[in-house]
Structure formats: C-alpha cells, structure tokens
N, C-alpha and C. Protein backbone atom coordinates (compact mmCIF):
# COMPACT_ATOMS: atom_id res chain seq x y z
N MET A 1 14.37 3.28 15.44
CA MET A 1 13.66 3.46 14.53
C MET A 1 15.23 2.51 13.89
N LYS A 2 14.50 2.12 12.23
CA LYS A 2 15.46 1.15 11.48
C LYS A 2 14.91 1.63 10.48
N ALA A 3 15.62 1.63 9.56
CA ALA A 3 15.12 1.78 7.91
C ALA A 3 15.77 0.84 6.91
N THR A 4 15.53 -0.01 6.40
CA THR A 4 16.20 -1.10 5.65
C THR A 4 15.93 -0.92 4.26
N ALA A 5 17.10 -0.36 3.22
CA ALA A 5 17.02 -0.22 2.10
C ALA A 5 17.03 -1.48 1.59
N ARG A 6 16.68 -1.64 -0.06
CA ARG A 6 17.26 -2.80 -0.54
C ARG A 6 19.16 -3.33 -1.02
N PHE A 7 19.69 -2.44 -1.00
CA PHE A 7 20.85 -1.96 -1.39
C PHE A 7 21.98 -1.78 -0.67
N ARG A 8 21.56 -1.21 0.94
CA ARG A 8 21.95 -0.95 2.31
C ARG A 8 21.11 -1.23 3.05
N ARG A 9 21.75 -1.27 4.74
CA ARG A 9 21.48 -1.33 5.55
C ARG A 9 21.80 -0.82 6.75
N ALA A 10 20.61 -0.07 7.33
CA ALA A 10 21.26 1.07 8.31
C ALA A 10 20.29 0.84 9.68
N LYS A 11 21.11 1.45 10.46
CA LYS A 11 20.30 1.27 11.96
C LYS A 11 20.63 2.57 12.49
N THR A 12 19.44 3.14 13.04
CA THR A 12 19.60 4.12 13.64
C THR A 12 18.38 4.22 15.26
N SER A 13 19.08 4.34 16.72
CA SER A 13 18.60 3.95 17.60
C SER A 13 18.28 5.54 18.50
N LEU A 14 17.18 5.93 18.87
CA LEU A 14 16.32 6.79 19.62
C LEU A 14 16.20 6.53 20.29
N LYS A 15 15.96 7.10 21.81
CA LYS A 15 15.80 7.16 23.07
C LYS A 15 14.66 8.14 23.00
N LEU A 16 13.54 7.22 23.25
CA LEU A 16 12.03 8.08 23.56
C LEU A 16 11.11 7.60 24.68
N ALA A 17 10.09 8.16 24.39
CA ALA A 17 9.18 7.33 25.81
C ALA A 17 9.01 6.02 25.34
N PRO A 18 9.42 5.15 26.34
CA PRO A 18 8.75 3.60 25.40
C PRO A 18 7.73 3.42 25.41
N SER A 19 6.49 4.24 25.77
CA SER A 19 5.01 3.49 25.38
C SER A 19 4.87 3.96 23.68
N LEU A 20 5.84 4.77 23.52
CA LEU A 20 5.91 5.26 21.39
C LEU A 20 6.91 5.76 21.00
N LEU A 21 7.02 4.84 19.78
CA LEU A 21 7.79 5.92 18.53
C LEU A 21 7.30 5.73 17.52
N ALA A 22 7.39 7.01 17.02
CA ALA A 22 6.66 7.75 15.83
C ALA A 22 7.54 8.34 14.91
N LEU A 23 7.00 7.38 13.72
CA LEU A 23 7.62 7.94 11.99
C LEU A 23 7.23 8.67 11.46
N SER A 24 7.34 9.93 10.78
CA SER A 24 6.77 10.48 9.99
C SER A 24 7.69 10.09 8.53
N LEU A 25 7.28 9.67 7.88
CA LEU A 25 7.65 9.32 6.50
C LEU A 25 7.48 9.75 5.29
N LEU A 26 6.90 10.92 5.00
CA LEU A 26 6.44 11.92 4.30
C LEU A 26 7.66 12.04 3.41
N MET A 27 8.37 12.46 3.73
CA MET A 27 9.80 12.67 3.21
C MET A 27 11.02 11.37 2.50
N LEU A 28 10.30 10.56 2.78
CA LEU A 28 11.03 9.18 2.63
C LEU A 28 11.10 8.63 1.63
N LEU A 29 9.73 9.00 0.95
CA LEU A 29 9.32 8.47 -0.86
C LEU A 29 9.26 9.66 -1.86
N PRO A 30 10.24 9.10 -2.45
CA PRO A 30 10.18 9.73 -3.80
C PRO A 30 8.96 10.23 -4.53
N GLY A 31 9.07 11.06 -5.19
CA GLY A 31 7.78 11.08 -6.72
C GLY A 31 6.62 10.66 -6.06
N LEU A 32 5.82 11.35 -4.72
CA LEU A 32 4.99 10.45 -4.03
C LEU A 32 3.93 10.83 -5.34
N ALA A 33 2.83 10.09 -5.11
CA ALA A 33 2.03 10.03 -6.01
C ALA A 33 0.49 9.57 -5.50
N LEU A 34 -0.35 10.82 -5.63
CA LEU A 34 -1.75 10.56 -4.43
C LEU A 34 -2.81 9.65 -5.26
N ALA A 35 -3.55 8.96 -4.33
CA ALA A 35 -4.65 8.33 -4.90
C ALA A 35 -5.46 8.90 -5.70
N LYS A 36 -6.32 8.29 -6.34
CA LYS A 36 -7.21 8.67 -7.52
C LYS A 36 -8.45 9.63 -7.18
N LYS A 37 -8.27 10.82 -7.63
CA LYS A 37 -9.36 11.58 -6.83
C LYS A 37 -10.52 10.88 -7.45
N SER A 38 -10.73 10.21 -8.49
CA SER A 38 -12.29 10.07 -8.74
C SER A 38 -13.11 9.18 -7.80
N ASP A 39 -11.69 8.38 -7.39
CA ASP A 39 -12.57 7.18 -6.19
C ASP A 39 -13.57 7.78 -5.42
N ARG A 40 -13.67 9.05 -4.85
CA ARG A 40 -14.24 8.87 -4.30
C ARG A 40 -16.06 9.75 -4.12
N ASP A 41 -15.38 10.28 -5.32
CA ASP A 41 -16.93 10.66 -6.45
C ASP A 41 -17.79 9.13 -7.04
N GLN A 42 -17.39 7.66 -6.39
CA GLN A 42 -18.13 7.06 -7.04
C GLN A 42 -19.00 6.19 -5.67
N PRO A 43 -20.00 4.82 -6.52
CA PRO A 43 -20.77 4.51 -5.57
C PRO A 43 -19.82 3.78 -5.20
N MET A 44 -20.43 3.39 -3.10
CA MET A 44 -19.57 2.15 -2.93
C MET A 44 -20.60 0.89 -2.70
N SER A 45 -20.00 -0.42 -3.69
CA SER A 45 -20.74 -1.49 -3.16
C SER A 45 -20.00 -2.23 -2.26
N TYR A 46 -21.30 -3.47 -1.76
CA TYR A 46 -20.47 -4.22 -0.91
C TYR A 46 -20.97 -5.84 -1.36
N ASP A 47 -20.22 -6.74 -0.46
CA ASP A 47 -20.74 -7.75 -0.66
C ASP A 47 -20.41 -8.28 1.10
N ALA A 48 -21.30 -9.55 1.34
CA ALA A 48 -21.02 -10.20 2.46
C ALA A 48 -22.19 -11.18 2.97
N LYS A 49 -21.72 -12.06 3.58
CA LYS A 49 -22.24 -13.64 3.91
C LYS A 49 -23.41 -13.22 4.55
N TYR A 50 -23.22 -11.91 5.23
CA TYR A 50 -24.70 -11.70 6.18
C TYR A 50 -24.32 -10.15 6.63
N THR A 51 -26.00 -9.44 6.87
CA THR A 51 -25.94 -8.21 6.50
C THR A 51 -26.82 -7.75 7.16
N GLU A 52 -26.86 -6.35 8.25
CA GLU A 52 -27.57 -5.85 9.01
C GLU A 52 -27.79 -4.24 8.98
N ALA A 53 -28.21 -4.15 7.71
CA ALA A 53 -28.21 -2.90 6.60
C ALA A 53 -29.13 -1.88 6.98
N PHE A 54 -28.69 -0.52 6.97
CA PHE A 54 -29.78 0.74 7.43
C PHE A 54 -29.12 1.55 6.41
N ASN A 55 -30.00 2.20 5.61
CA ASN A 55 -30.12 3.39 5.20
C ASN A 55 -31.11 4.14 5.41
N ALA A 56 -30.28 4.94 6.20
CA ALA A 56 -30.98 6.10 6.85
C ALA A 56 -29.66 6.93 7.62
N PRO A 57 -30.15 7.78 7.86
CA PRO A 57 -28.72 8.96 8.85
C PRO A 57 -28.83 8.56 10.08
N ASN A 58 -27.10 8.88 10.36
CA ASN A 58 -27.00 8.18 11.76
C ASN A 58 -27.23 6.88 12.08
N THR A 59 -26.55 5.91 11.19
CA THR A 59 -27.13 4.44 11.56
C THR A 59 -25.23 4.15 11.10
N VAL A 60 -25.80 2.60 11.91
CA VAL A 60 -24.28 1.74 11.73
C VAL A 60 -24.73 0.57 11.01
N SER A 61 -24.04 -0.22 10.32
CA SER A 61 -25.24 -0.98 9.59
C SER A 61 -23.63 -2.31 9.52
N THR A 62 -24.39 -3.41 9.61
CA THR A 62 -23.07 -4.65 10.11
C THR A 62 -23.44 -5.54 8.87
N LEU A 63 -21.70 -5.67 8.67
CA LEU A 63 -21.43 -6.91 7.35
C LEU A 63 -20.25 -7.95 7.98
N LYS A 64 -20.73 -8.99 7.51
CA LYS A 64 -20.34 -10.23 8.65
C LYS A 64 -19.81 -11.25 7.68
N GLY A 65 -18.82 -11.52 7.52
CA GLY A 65 -17.96 -12.85 6.80
C GLY A 65 -17.84 -12.77 5.53
N SER A 66 -16.69 -12.74 4.70
CA SER A 66 -16.02 -12.59 3.44
C SER A 66 -16.22 -11.02 2.79
N VAL A 67 -16.27 -10.15 3.57
CA VAL A 67 -16.91 -8.58 3.41
C VAL A 67 -15.61 -8.07 2.49
N ARG A 68 -16.26 -7.75 1.82
CA ARG A 68 -15.85 -6.87 0.89
C ARG A 68 -16.14 -5.94 0.06
N ALA A 69 -15.78 -4.35 0.23
CA ALA A 69 -16.22 -3.12 -0.08
C ALA A 69 -15.65 -2.81 -1.58
N VAL A 70 -16.12 -1.79 -2.06
CA VAL A 70 -15.57 -1.60 -3.70
C VAL A 70 -15.70 -0.07 -3.80
N GLN A 71 -15.23 0.99 -4.05
CA GLN A 71 -15.39 2.30 -4.05
C GLN A 71 -14.54 2.55 -5.33
N GLY A 72 -14.31 2.28 -6.36
CA GLY A 72 -13.67 2.99 -7.73
C GLY A 72 -12.64 1.57 -7.95
N THR A 73 -11.85 2.48 -7.34
CA THR A 73 -10.25 1.54 -7.34
C THR A 73 -9.80 0.95 -6.33
N MET A 74 -10.39 1.24 -5.02
CA MET A 74 -10.25 1.14 -3.88
C MET A 74 -11.29 0.21 -3.70
N VAL A 75 -10.43 -1.21 -2.67
CA VAL A 75 -10.93 -2.40 -2.25
C VAL A 75 -10.63 -2.54 -1.03
N LEU A 76 -11.96 -2.41 -0.06
CA LEU A 76 -11.35 -3.17 1.21
C LEU A 76 -12.20 -4.32 1.46
N THR A 77 -11.72 -5.18 2.21
CA THR A 77 -12.05 -6.92 2.48
C THR A 77 -11.38 -7.49 3.83
N GLY A 78 -12.21 -7.48 4.67
CA GLY A 78 -12.73 -8.96 6.02
C GLY A 78 -12.97 -9.54 6.22
N ASP A 79 -13.42 -9.56 7.67
CA ASP A 79 -13.88 -10.86 8.33
C ASP A 79 -15.38 -9.83 8.68
N LEU A 80 -15.28 -8.44 9.61
CA LEU A 80 -16.28 -7.88 9.88
C LEU A 80 -16.18 -6.62 9.67
N ALA A 81 -17.12 -5.70 9.03
CA ALA A 81 -17.33 -4.58 9.19
C ALA A 81 -18.70 -3.90 9.43
N LYS A 82 -18.21 -2.62 10.10
CA LYS A 82 -18.85 -1.38 10.18
C LYS A 82 -18.78 -0.29 9.55
N LEU A 83 -20.13 0.21 8.68
CA LEU A 83 -20.56 0.98 8.31
C LEU A 83 -21.21 2.14 8.85
N TYR A 84 -20.42 3.48 9.13
CA TYR A 84 -21.53 4.57 9.96
C TYR A 84 -21.81 5.39 8.48
N MET A 85 -22.84 5.52 8.85
CA MET A 85 -23.81 6.91 7.75
C MET A 85 -23.75 8.07 8.69
N ASP A 86 -23.51 9.71 7.98
CA ASP A 86 -23.77 10.51 9.07
C ASP A 86 -25.17 10.98 8.62
N GLY A 87 -24.91 12.20 8.76
CA GLY A 87 -26.41 12.74 9.24
C GLY A 87 -26.91 13.21 7.44
N ASP A 88 -25.68 13.92 6.64
CA ASP A 88 -26.63 13.90 5.83
C ASP A 88 -26.61 12.21 4.39
N GLN A 89 -26.40 11.40 5.30
CA GLN A 89 -26.98 9.77 4.44
C GLN A 89 -25.81 9.72 3.86
N GLN A 90 -24.43 10.18 4.28
CA GLN A 90 -23.40 9.71 3.73
C GLN A 90 -22.16 8.65 4.15
N LEU A 91 -22.09 8.07 3.38
CA LEU A 91 -20.81 6.77 4.51
C LEU A 91 -19.59 7.53 4.85
N ALA A 92 -19.40 7.93 6.06
CA ALA A 92 -18.66 8.53 6.53
C ALA A 92 -17.17 7.67 6.76
N ARG A 93 -17.63 6.28 7.07
CA ARG A 93 -16.62 5.75 7.87
C ARG A 93 -16.92 4.38 8.08
N ILE A 94 -15.75 3.29 7.85
CA ILE A 94 -15.47 2.36 7.59
C ILE A 94 -14.43 1.60 8.48
N VAL A 95 -15.43 0.57 9.30
CA VAL A 95 -14.04 -0.15 10.03
C VAL A 95 -13.95 -1.53 10.09
N VAL A 96 -13.03 -1.91 9.55
CA VAL A 96 -12.88 -3.31 9.55
C VAL A 96 -11.72 -3.89 10.20
N THR A 97 -12.20 -5.27 10.45
CA THR A 97 -11.24 -6.22 11.03
C THR A 97 -11.30 -7.59 10.61
N GLY A 98 -10.36 -8.58 11.16
CA GLY A 98 -10.02 -9.51 10.00
C GLY A 98 -8.58 -9.75 10.22
N ASN A 99 -8.25 -11.37 9.57
CA ASN A 99 -7.14 -11.83 9.81
C ASN A 99 -6.31 -12.03 8.65
N PRO A 100 -5.69 -10.65 7.75
CA PRO A 100 -6.24 -9.44 7.80
C PRO A 100 -7.26 -8.66 7.65
N ALA A 101 -7.41 -7.68 7.51
CA ALA A 101 -8.05 -6.72 7.17
C ALA A 101 -7.21 -5.85 5.93
N HIS A 102 -7.86 -5.81 5.07
CA HIS A 102 -6.99 -5.41 3.95
C HIS A 102 -7.62 -4.06 3.12
N ILE A 103 -6.59 -3.13 2.52
CA ILE A 103 -7.39 -2.01 1.75
C ILE A 103 -6.14 -2.51 0.45
N GLN A 104 -7.08 -1.81 -0.45
CA GLN A 104 -5.71 -1.63 -1.88
C GLN A 104 -6.16 -0.19 -2.83
N GLN A 105 -5.56 0.24 -3.49
CA GLN A 105 -5.70 1.52 -4.04
C GLN A 105 -5.28 1.53 -4.79
N LEU A 106 -5.45 2.25 -6.20
CA LEU A 106 -4.60 2.95 -6.50
C LEU A 106 -4.21 4.44 -6.94
N ASP A 107 -3.31 4.81 -7.48
CA ASP A 107 -2.86 6.39 -7.57
C ASP A 107 -2.68 6.84 -8.67
N GLU A 108 -2.99 7.72 -9.14
CA GLU A 108 -2.97 8.49 -9.81
C GLU A 108 -1.93 8.05 -11.27
N ASN A 109 -1.10 7.75 -10.60
CA ASN A 109 0.09 6.85 -11.59
C ASN A 109 -0.44 5.45 -12.28
N ASN A 110 -1.91 4.92 -11.34
CA ASN A 110 -1.86 3.45 -11.39
C ASN A 110 -0.92 2.97 -11.12
N ASN A 111 -0.36 3.01 -10.10
CA ASN A 111 0.73 2.28 -8.88
C ASN A 111 -0.66 1.71 -7.86
N LEU A 112 -0.36 0.63 -7.62
CA LEU A 112 -0.61 0.44 -6.41
C LEU A 112 -0.48 0.23 -5.17
N MET A 113 -1.04 0.73 -4.41
CA MET A 113 -1.04 0.51 -2.77
C MET A 113 -2.28 0.15 -2.09
N GLN A 114 -1.00 -1.29 -1.30
CA GLN A 114 -1.73 -2.50 -0.02
C GLN A 114 -1.37 -2.21 1.29
N GLY A 115 -2.61 -2.05 2.05
CA GLY A 115 -2.43 -2.50 3.71
C GLY A 115 -3.20 -3.45 3.97
N ASP A 116 -2.31 -3.99 5.22
CA ASP A 116 -3.10 -4.55 6.35
C ASP A 116 -2.19 -4.51 7.61
N ALA A 117 -3.79 -5.04 8.31
CA ALA A 117 -3.66 -4.86 9.75
C ALA A 117 -5.19 -5.78 10.03
N GLN A 118 -4.62 -5.75 12.01
CA GLN A 118 -5.70 -7.19 12.21
C GLN A 118 -7.14 -5.37 11.99
N THR A 119 -6.89 -4.46 12.47
CA THR A 119 -7.94 -3.32 12.06
C THR A 119 -7.61 -2.50 11.39
N LEU A 120 -8.98 -2.26 10.66
CA LEU A 120 -8.98 -0.91 9.42
C LEU A 120 -9.92 0.28 9.83
N ASP A 121 -9.57 1.30 9.67
CA ASP A 121 -10.38 2.63 10.05
C ASP A 121 -10.20 3.79 9.42
N TYR A 122 -11.43 3.25 7.90
CA TYR A 122 -11.10 3.90 6.84
C TYR A 122 -12.55 5.42 7.08
N ASP A 123 -11.42 6.85 7.36
CA ASP A 123 -12.69 8.09 7.18
C ASP A 123 -13.06 8.19 5.55
N ASN A 124 -13.76 7.46 5.33
CA ASN A 124 -14.46 7.71 4.06
C ASN A 124 -14.60 9.69 3.19
N ILE A 125 -14.37 10.34 4.60
CA ILE A 125 -15.06 11.67 3.66
C ILE A 125 -13.10 12.38 4.22
N ASN A 126 -12.72 11.68 4.84
CA ASN A 126 -11.28 13.03 4.51
C ASN A 126 -10.10 11.86 3.88
N GLY A 127 -10.53 11.15 3.51
CA GLY A 127 -9.43 9.84 2.58
C GLY A 127 -8.40 9.03 3.30
N ILE A 128 -8.51 9.45 4.93
CA ILE A 128 -7.49 8.50 5.87
C ILE A 128 -7.82 6.97 6.09
N ALA A 129 -7.01 6.44 6.05
CA ALA A 129 -6.80 4.75 6.74
C ALA A 129 -5.84 4.60 7.89
N VAL A 130 -6.52 4.19 8.86
CA VAL A 130 -5.78 3.63 10.49
C VAL A 130 -5.74 2.19 10.58
N LEU A 131 -4.57 1.79 10.29
CA LEU A 131 -4.45 0.36 10.16
C LEU A 131 -3.61 0.21 11.80
N THR A 132 -4.02 -0.74 12.47
CA THR A 132 -3.87 -1.42 13.81
C THR A 132 -3.05 -2.39 14.33
N THR A 133 -2.34 -2.87 14.72
CA THR A 133 -1.51 -4.43 15.26
C THR A 133 -1.72 -4.88 14.11
N ASN A 134 0.09 -5.42 13.62
CA ASN A 134 0.60 -6.27 12.49
C ASN A 134 0.34 -5.21 11.26
N ALA A 135 0.16 -3.71 11.38
CA ALA A 135 0.02 -3.25 10.21
C ALA A 135 1.10 -2.93 9.35
N VAL A 136 1.11 -3.22 7.60
CA VAL A 136 2.01 -2.93 6.79
C VAL A 136 1.40 -1.87 5.63
N VAL A 137 2.16 -1.46 5.50
CA VAL A 137 2.19 -0.66 4.21
C VAL A 137 2.82 -0.64 2.86
N ARG A 138 2.51 -1.05 1.93
CA ARG A 138 3.10 -1.51 0.37
C ARG A 138 2.99 -0.55 -0.42
N GLN A 139 3.58 0.34 -1.31
CA GLN A 139 3.39 1.26 -2.03
C GLN A 139 4.29 0.78 -3.27
N GLN A 140 3.65 0.29 -4.50
CA GLN A 140 4.50 0.21 -5.54
C GLN A 140 5.04 0.83 -6.44
N GLY A 141 6.46 0.04 -6.46
CA GLY A 141 7.88 0.62 -6.73
C GLY A 141 8.70 1.75 -5.46
N ARG A 142 7.81 1.92 -4.64
CA ARG A 142 8.85 2.79 -3.04
C ARG A 142 9.18 1.94 -2.44
N GLY A 143 8.58 1.24 -1.98
CA GLY A 143 8.82 0.57 -0.24
C GLY A 143 7.69 -0.12 0.60
N GLU A 144 7.97 -0.03 1.47
CA GLU A 144 6.70 -0.35 2.23
C GLU A 144 7.05 0.19 3.97
N PHE A 145 6.55 0.04 4.60
CA PHE A 145 6.23 0.65 6.22
C PHE A 145 5.66 -0.90 6.95
N HIS A 146 6.46 -1.26 8.49
CA HIS A 146 5.64 -1.87 9.18
C HIS A 146 5.85 -1.03 10.85
N GLY A 147 4.18 -1.22 11.36
CA GLY A 147 4.46 -0.54 12.34
C GLY A 147 3.12 -1.47 13.66
N ASP A 148 3.17 -1.12 14.67
CA ASP A 148 1.64 -1.31 15.48
C ASP A 148 0.62 -0.59 15.01
N LYS A 149 1.46 0.84 14.33
CA LYS A 149 -0.31 1.45 13.87
C LYS A 149 0.53 2.37 13.12
N LEU A 150 -0.19 2.04 11.71
CA LEU A 150 0.17 3.09 10.34
C LEU A 150 -1.12 3.93 10.39
N THR A 151 -0.92 5.05 10.18
CA THR A 151 -2.23 6.30 9.24
C THR A 151 -1.50 6.44 7.93
N TYR A 152 -2.42 6.45 6.56
CA TYR A 152 -2.18 6.39 5.88
C TYR A 152 -3.05 7.39 5.13
N ASP A 153 -2.57 8.66 4.74
CA ASP A 153 -3.72 9.66 4.15
C ASP A 153 -3.64 9.48 2.64
N THR A 154 -4.38 9.42 2.13
CA THR A 154 -3.97 9.35 0.79
C THR A 154 -4.41 10.57 -0.27
N ASN A 155 -4.54 11.12 0.52
CA ASN A 155 -4.76 12.81 -0.28
C ASN A 155 -3.51 13.64 -0.17
N THR A 156 -2.59 12.75 0.16
CA THR A 156 -1.06 13.63 1.09
C THR A 156 -0.04 12.51 0.26
N SER A 157 -0.57 11.39 0.86
CA SER A 157 0.50 10.05 0.60
C SER A 157 1.19 10.10 2.06
N LEU A 158 0.98 10.64 3.44
CA LEU A 158 1.88 10.57 4.03
C LEU A 158 1.12 9.64 5.03
N ILE A 159 2.21 8.62 5.21
CA ILE A 159 2.54 7.31 6.30
C ILE A 159 2.97 8.22 7.40
N THR A 160 2.45 7.81 8.92
CA THR A 160 2.53 7.88 9.83
C THR A 160 2.83 6.37 11.08
N GLY A 161 4.02 6.31 11.06
CA GLY A 161 4.44 4.98 12.20
C GLY A 161 4.36 5.12 13.31
N GLU A 162 3.77 4.40 14.32
CA GLU A 162 4.04 4.23 15.46
C GLU A 162 4.13 2.97 16.11
N ALA A 163 5.36 2.96 16.74
CA ALA A 163 5.56 1.15 17.88
C ALA A 163 5.30 1.66 19.16
N GLY A 164 4.83 0.54 20.17
CA GLY A 164 4.44 0.56 20.45
C GLY A 164 5.28 0.01 21.71
N GLY A 165 5.50 0.31 22.77
CA GLY A 165 6.59 -0.39 24.03
C GLY A 165 8.26 -0.36 23.02
N ASP A 166 8.91 -1.20 23.80
CA ASP A 166 9.95 -0.80 22.76
C ASP A 166 10.29 -1.90 21.28
N GLY A 167 9.40 -1.98 20.62
CA GLY A 167 9.07 -2.11 19.42
C GLY A 167 9.41 -0.87 18.51
N LEU A 168 9.84 -1.24 17.70
CA LEU A 168 10.25 -0.86 16.51
C LEU A 168 9.50 -0.26 14.55
N VAL A 169 9.24 0.84 14.06
CA VAL A 169 8.91 0.53 12.63
C VAL A 169 10.21 0.60 11.93
N HIS A 170 9.40 -0.22 11.32
CA HIS A 170 10.35 -0.63 9.87
C HIS A 170 10.13 -0.53 8.36
N GLY A 171 11.01 -0.17 7.99
CA GLY A 171 10.86 0.99 6.59
C GLY A 171 11.98 0.39 5.25
N ILE A 172 11.60 0.04 4.22
CA ILE A 172 11.81 -0.39 3.24
C ILE A 172 12.11 1.18 1.96
N ILE A 173 12.91 1.41 2.01
CA ILE A 173 12.89 2.46 0.88
C ILE A 173 13.36 1.64 -0.34
N LEU A 174 12.64 1.52 -1.74
CA LEU A 174 13.35 1.04 -2.54
C LEU A 174 13.70 1.91 -3.62
N PRO A 175 15.19 2.20 -3.71
CA PRO A 175 16.17 2.99 -4.46
C PRO A 175 15.29 3.31 -6.39
N LYS A 176 15.90 4.72 -7.10
CA LYS A 176 14.53 4.68 -8.23
C LYS A 176 15.96 4.21 -9.11
N PRO A 177 15.32 2.90 -9.95
CA PRO A 177 15.95 2.91 -10.89
C PRO A 177 16.98 2.99 -11.72
N LYS A 178 17.81 2.96 -12.04
CA LYS A 178 18.76 3.56 -12.65
C LYS A 178 18.75 3.29 -14.69
N PRO A 179 19.74 4.18 -15.22
CA PRO A 179 19.28 3.95 -16.87
C PRO A 179 20.15 2.85 -16.89
N GLY A 180 20.53 2.25 -17.58
CA GLY A 180 21.22 1.59 -18.04
C GLY A 180 21.33 0.02 -16.78
N ALA A 181 20.76 -0.10 -15.98
CA ALA A 181 20.80 -0.83 -15.03
C ALA A 181 20.53 -2.38 -16.00
N PRO A 182 21.71 -3.45 -15.38
CA PRO A 182 21.83 -4.64 -15.72
C PRO A 182 20.80 -5.20 -15.77
N ALA A 183 20.62 -6.48 -16.98
CA ALA A 183 19.54 -6.77 -17.19
C ALA A 183 18.99 -8.13 -16.47
N PRO A 184 17.72 -8.22 -15.94
CA PRO A 184 17.13 -9.28 -14.88
C PRO A 184 17.79 -10.43 -15.24
N ALA A 185 17.93 -11.09 -14.30
CA ALA A 185 18.51 -12.77 -14.27
C ALA A 185 17.95 -13.75 -15.38
N GLY A 186 18.79 -14.04 -16.18
CA GLY A 186 17.65 -15.31 -17.03
C GLY A 186 17.39 -14.30 -18.25
N THR A 187 17.63 -13.38 -18.28
CA THR A 187 17.53 -12.58 -20.12
C THR A 187 18.87 -12.40 -20.80
N PRO A 188 18.55 -13.19 -21.98
CA PRO A 188 19.55 -13.38 -22.70
C PRO A 188 20.77 -12.78 -23.18
N PRO A 189 21.56 -12.76 -23.28
CA PRO A 189 22.39 -11.12 -23.85
C PRO A 189 22.33 -10.91 -25.22
N LYS A 190 22.47 -9.51 -25.79
CA LYS A 190 22.44 -9.44 -26.67
C LYS A 190 23.51 -9.82 -27.74
N PRO A 191 23.57 -10.34 -29.15
CA PRO A 191 24.60 -10.30 -29.65
C PRO A 191 25.28 -8.78 -30.16
N ALA A 192 26.62 -9.59 -29.98
CA ALA A 192 27.49 -8.51 -30.13
C ALA A 192 28.05 -7.86 -31.62
N THR A 193 27.95 -6.70 -31.33
CA THR A 193 27.64 -5.85 -32.90
C THR A 193 29.41 -6.21 -33.56
N PRO A 194 29.53 -6.44 -34.86
CA PRO A 194 31.34 -6.66 -35.23
C PRO A 194 31.66 -5.11 -35.62
N PRO A 195 32.77 -4.57 -35.63
CA PRO A 195 33.48 -3.65 -36.06
C PRO A 195 33.26 -3.12 -37.49
N ALA A 196 33.42 -1.60 -37.08
CA ALA A 196 32.67 -1.30 -38.54
C ALA A 196 33.89 -1.87 -39.69
N GLY A 197 33.48 -1.90 -40.69
CA GLY A 197 34.35 -2.50 -42.09
C GLY A 197 34.20 -4.25 -41.73
N GLN A 198 33.46 -4.79 -40.41
CA GLN A 198 34.39 -6.43 -40.49
C GLN A 198 33.02 -7.08 -40.60
N GLN A 199 32.55 -8.21 -41.85
CA GLN A 199 31.19 -8.65 -41.44
C GLN A 199 31.78 -9.45 -40.36
N PRO A 200 30.49 -10.16 -40.66
CA PRO A 200 30.15 -10.93 -38.98
C PRO A 200 30.43 -12.05 -39.77
N ALA A 201 31.54 -13.32 -38.81
CA ALA A 201 31.73 -14.82 -39.63
C ALA A 201 30.77 -15.58 -39.76
N PRO A 202 30.77 -16.13 -40.74
CA PRO A 202 29.51 -16.66 -41.62
C PRO A 202 29.17 -18.34 -40.80
N LYS A 203 28.21 -18.91 -40.50
CA LYS A 203 27.82 -19.97 -40.20
C LYS A 203 28.43 -21.10 -40.85
N PRO A 204 28.75 -22.04 -39.82
CA PRO A 204 29.21 -23.16 -40.44
C PRO A 204 28.19 -23.86 -41.26
N ALA A 205 28.46 -24.31 -42.65
CA ALA A 205 27.35 -25.03 -43.08
C ALA A 205 26.53 -26.75 -42.78
N GLU A 206 25.87 -26.73 -42.38
CA GLU A 206 25.52 -28.07 -41.81
C GLU A 206 25.07 -29.15 -42.75
N GLY A 207 25.67 -29.93 -41.75
CA GLY A 207 25.95 -31.45 -42.74
C GLY A 207 25.18 -32.04 -43.19
N HIS A 208 25.43 -32.55 -43.85
CA HIS A 208 24.30 -33.61 -45.06
C HIS A 208 23.89 -35.23 -44.58
C-alpha cells in the first residue's frame, strides 16, 4: 500500500494474499460530498455511431462508436456500451468499455469527480460505479486513486481499491488549503503600506 501526499511521501508495506490487495479509502477524504441527488431523477440521453436499442423490459441495448450517455451532471463516454433494462423498463445498468471508458459527475458542492478505466460498470439503481483495469478516480480538491479495480459509491463517496498480484493501490490526498497561504507563482506582490504618519515617497517627475 502506498499513499502519496503533495507535500510528503510515505510508504507502508502490508503482507497480504498475493492475489488481492484492498484499500478502503472513505476515511482518507476530508469533507466528503455526495453526488448530486437530482441526477438520478433526470432522463438519460445517449449518442453513438451505431445503435441496436430496445425500449422494452428485460432487454439489452448496444451502442457502438463515440458513445456518450448523459443523466443530469453525470456523463459516460466510451467505445462500446451495453444498456440493461429491468422488468419495470427502467435503465438498471450500463457497461462501457473504451480506451478509456470515462465517467464524470458533480457533487452537491459542484466539485467534479472523474473516473477512467478500460471497463466501467455503472449500477444506475444504486449509484455504484466499478472501474476495472488501469482504473483511476479523481476528486476535485481532494485527491486521486489508482488501482486494478476501483469501486465508487456515489451515495457515500466511498472508494474501494484493489490491486491484483503484487501490485499496489496508489493514492494522493491533497491537504486542505490554509488561510494566508503564499500566493501562486506569478502573482505580483501587493505594494507595501507606509508606517502610520509617514507619507509615501513622491514619484519622480518625468523628464520633458
């Protein structure tokens, strides 16, 4: 297990079963914010170069080429998508593959969450995204996580990471900005304020 902060690097090794190394990252993220609740109440629209679609219960529709599905602030993109309708004719699940497949969504504070992987399996009923193979999840202002498999629960902001074999789950936790932090590079300094009772020096007269 290795966690890397922007200001400090730390390494911790754990001897676990070689087939699986798992890390639950819920407690590592301060000030968690949930995905926008209103997204699941919005209709989902999609675009693709090729569509084989069914509008019937218990069916699977196929989208191929430049796939893009949108529901509220949530956006899914990839090369191939399978859309699964349940018995109530509701969109229950979307499986997207691509190089990479991509998901993004705003939370209630309008911070952006983004995820990329070779395969993205999204449970539209429970709001859970499973990213497999070269998976990465980035949360604006909080950090990012990498692993062979990452599971992101939009209801709780819990991220569970897994690494196969002798691999590692990598995490970057961003520190909370402190008041009075140095200005970013390139920001001009503010002019100095003269002591009380002292007048600023007059500007030299321009020549004629």
